[in-house]
Amino acid sequence: MSQNTYTIYIRTGDDSLAGTDSNVFMQLFGTEGQTDEIHLPARDLFSFETGGTDKYILEVPDIGDLTRCCLRQDASETGPSSGWQVKDVRIEDDETDRTWTFTFNCWLGLEEAGTLSACAEL
């Protein structure tokens, strides 16, 4: 199976407690299959913080046109507000110039939403 290189941009919400220090994971679904769940490690202290955009370069098997994007955080951050507010995820296919934007506009947190994961479809 051929490999694709994707540039991923994840935007965190603007609420004052929107950011998270918990571990973040992503899974992509396409017309030709799906990826395994991928850990997106924090790059520095400012990863996944309020109002921020985090960029990742992923090399994964070619799964065709993307149809669904799922995010999960593991609540490893403790505190009164361990949730994470996600605006959207933009994915660019570096080989074909295809671009997909998955709109989340939701919280991932037990206190905030009762769930640690969410999926968005096109």
Protein backbone atom coordinates (compact mmCIF):
# COMPACT_ATOMS: atom_id res chain seq x y z
CA MET A 1 0.00 0.00 0.00
CA SER A 2 1.38 3.42 -0.91
CA GLN A 3 2.07 6.07 1.71
CA ASN A 4 0.60 9.58 1.92
CA THR A 5 2.05 12.56 3.72
CA TYR A 6 -0.58 14.70 5.41
CA THR A 7 -0.13 18.08 7.07
CA ILE A 8 -2.61 18.30 9.95
CA TYR A 9 -3.77 21.55 11.59
CA ILE A 10 -5.80 21.21 14.80
CA ARG A 11 -7.46 24.36 16.15
CA THR A 12 -8.32 24.57 19.85
CA GLY A 13 -11.29 26.69 20.94
CA ASP A 14 -11.12 30.20 22.38
CA ASP A 15 -12.80 29.60 25.76
CA SER A 16 -10.46 30.40 28.65
CA LEU A 17 -10.14 26.73 29.70
CA ALA A 18 -10.29 25.23 26.17
CA GLY A 19 -6.73 23.82 26.17
CA THR A 20 -5.51 20.47 27.44
CA ASP A 21 -2.28 18.90 28.61
CA SER A 22 -3.74 15.40 28.23
CA ASN A 23 -2.54 13.01 25.53
CA VAL A 24 -4.25 13.53 22.17
CA PHE A 25 -4.98 10.84 19.56
CA MET A 26 -6.35 10.91 16.01
CA GLN A 27 -7.79 8.33 13.63
CA LEU A 28 -8.59 8.96 9.97
CA PHE A 29 -11.12 7.15 7.78
CA GLY A 30 -11.23 7.23 4.00
CA THR A 31 -12.84 5.64 0.98
CA GLU A 32 -10.10 2.96 0.91
CA GLY A 33 -9.70 2.15 4.61
CA GLN A 34 -8.63 3.70 7.89
CA THR A 35 -5.50 4.46 9.89
CA ASP A 36 -4.68 3.08 13.29
CA GLU A 37 -5.16 5.50 16.16
CA ILE A 38 -2.20 7.89 16.09
CA HIS A 39 -0.77 9.60 19.19
CA LEU A 40 -0.08 13.29 18.58
CA PRO A 41 2.57 14.12 21.18
CA ALA A 42 2.72 17.61 22.62
CA ARG A 43 5.53 19.55 20.95
CA ASP A 44 6.02 22.00 23.81
CA LEU A 45 4.19 23.62 26.74
CA PHE A 46 1.90 25.48 24.35
CA SER A 47 0.50 22.48 22.48
CA PHE A 48 -3.30 22.23 22.37
CA GLU A 49 -3.73 25.51 24.24
CA THR A 50 -6.61 27.99 24.08
CA GLY A 51 -6.86 29.72 20.69
CA GLY A 52 -3.89 27.81 19.29
CA THR A 53 -3.31 25.82 16.12
CA ASP A 54 -1.10 22.75 16.28
CA LYS A 55 0.61 21.40 13.16
CA TYR A 56 1.67 17.80 12.55
CA ILE A 57 3.15 15.99 9.58
CA LEU A 58 1.90 12.40 9.32
CA GLU A 59 3.02 9.67 6.97
CA VAL A 60 0.28 7.06 6.78
CA PRO A 61 -1.01 4.51 4.25
CA ASP A 62 -3.09 5.99 1.43
CA ILE A 63 -6.71 5.52 2.51
CA GLY A 64 -8.28 7.40 -0.41
CA ASP A 65 -10.44 10.47 0.00
CA LEU A 66 -10.90 11.25 3.68
CA THR A 67 -14.45 10.93 4.98
CA ARG A 68 -14.14 11.00 8.77
CA CYS A 69 -11.74 12.24 11.45
CA CYS A 70 -11.87 11.12 15.08
CA LEU A 71 -10.09 12.75 18.03
CA ARG A 72 -9.64 11.50 21.56
CA GLN A 73 -7.94 12.77 24.68
CA ASP A 74 -7.15 10.45 27.58
CA ALA A 75 -7.91 12.75 30.55
CA SER A 76 -4.38 12.24 31.85
CA GLU A 77 -4.37 15.92 32.82
CA THR A 78 -5.95 16.28 36.22
CA GLY A 79 -7.77 19.28 37.59
CA PRO A 80 -11.15 20.93 37.69
CA SER A 81 -11.25 21.46 33.92
CA SER A 82 -9.38 18.73 32.12
CA GLY A 83 -11.51 18.97 28.98
CA TRP A 84 -10.37 20.11 25.54
CA GLN A 85 -12.42 22.26 23.20
CA VAL A 86 -11.74 21.49 19.53
CA LYS A 87 -12.81 23.85 16.74
CA ASP A 88 -11.71 21.98 13.65
CA VAL A 89 -9.08 19.88 11.92
CA ARG A 90 -7.73 20.78 8.48
CA ILE A 91 -5.84 18.05 6.62
CA GLU A 92 -3.75 18.68 3.52
CA ASP A 93 -2.55 15.83 1.31
CA ASP A 94 0.97 16.94 0.39
CA GLU A 95 1.10 14.69 -2.71
CA THR A 96 -2.22 15.58 -4.38
CA ASP A 97 -3.10 19.04 -2.98
CA ARG A 98 -6.41 17.66 -1.68
CA THR A 99 -7.68 19.41 1.47
CA TRP A 100 -10.35 18.40 3.96
CA THR A 101 -11.73 20.38 6.90
CA PHE A 102 -13.53 18.53 9.68
CA THR A 103 -15.59 20.80 11.94
CA PHE A 104 -15.88 19.68 15.56
CA ASN A 105 -16.91 22.74 17.64
CA CYS A 106 -17.21 20.55 20.73
CA TRP A 107 -15.64 19.63 24.05
CA LEU A 108 -13.79 16.40 24.70
CA GLY A 109 -13.99 15.95 28.45
CA LEU A 110 -15.98 13.97 30.98
CA GLU A 111 -17.07 17.02 32.96
CA GLU A 112 -17.73 19.19 29.92
CA ALA A 113 -19.32 16.70 27.51
CA GLY A 114 -19.46 13.28 29.15
CA THR A 115 -17.06 11.84 26.55
CA LEU A 116 -13.36 11.88 25.75
CA SER A 117 -13.75 11.41 22.01
CA ALA A 118 -15.59 12.81 19.01
CA CYS A 119 -15.75 12.24 15.28
CA ALA A 120 -16.53 14.63 12.45
CA GLU A 121 -17.63 13.64 8.97
CA LEU A 122 -17.71 15.52 5.71
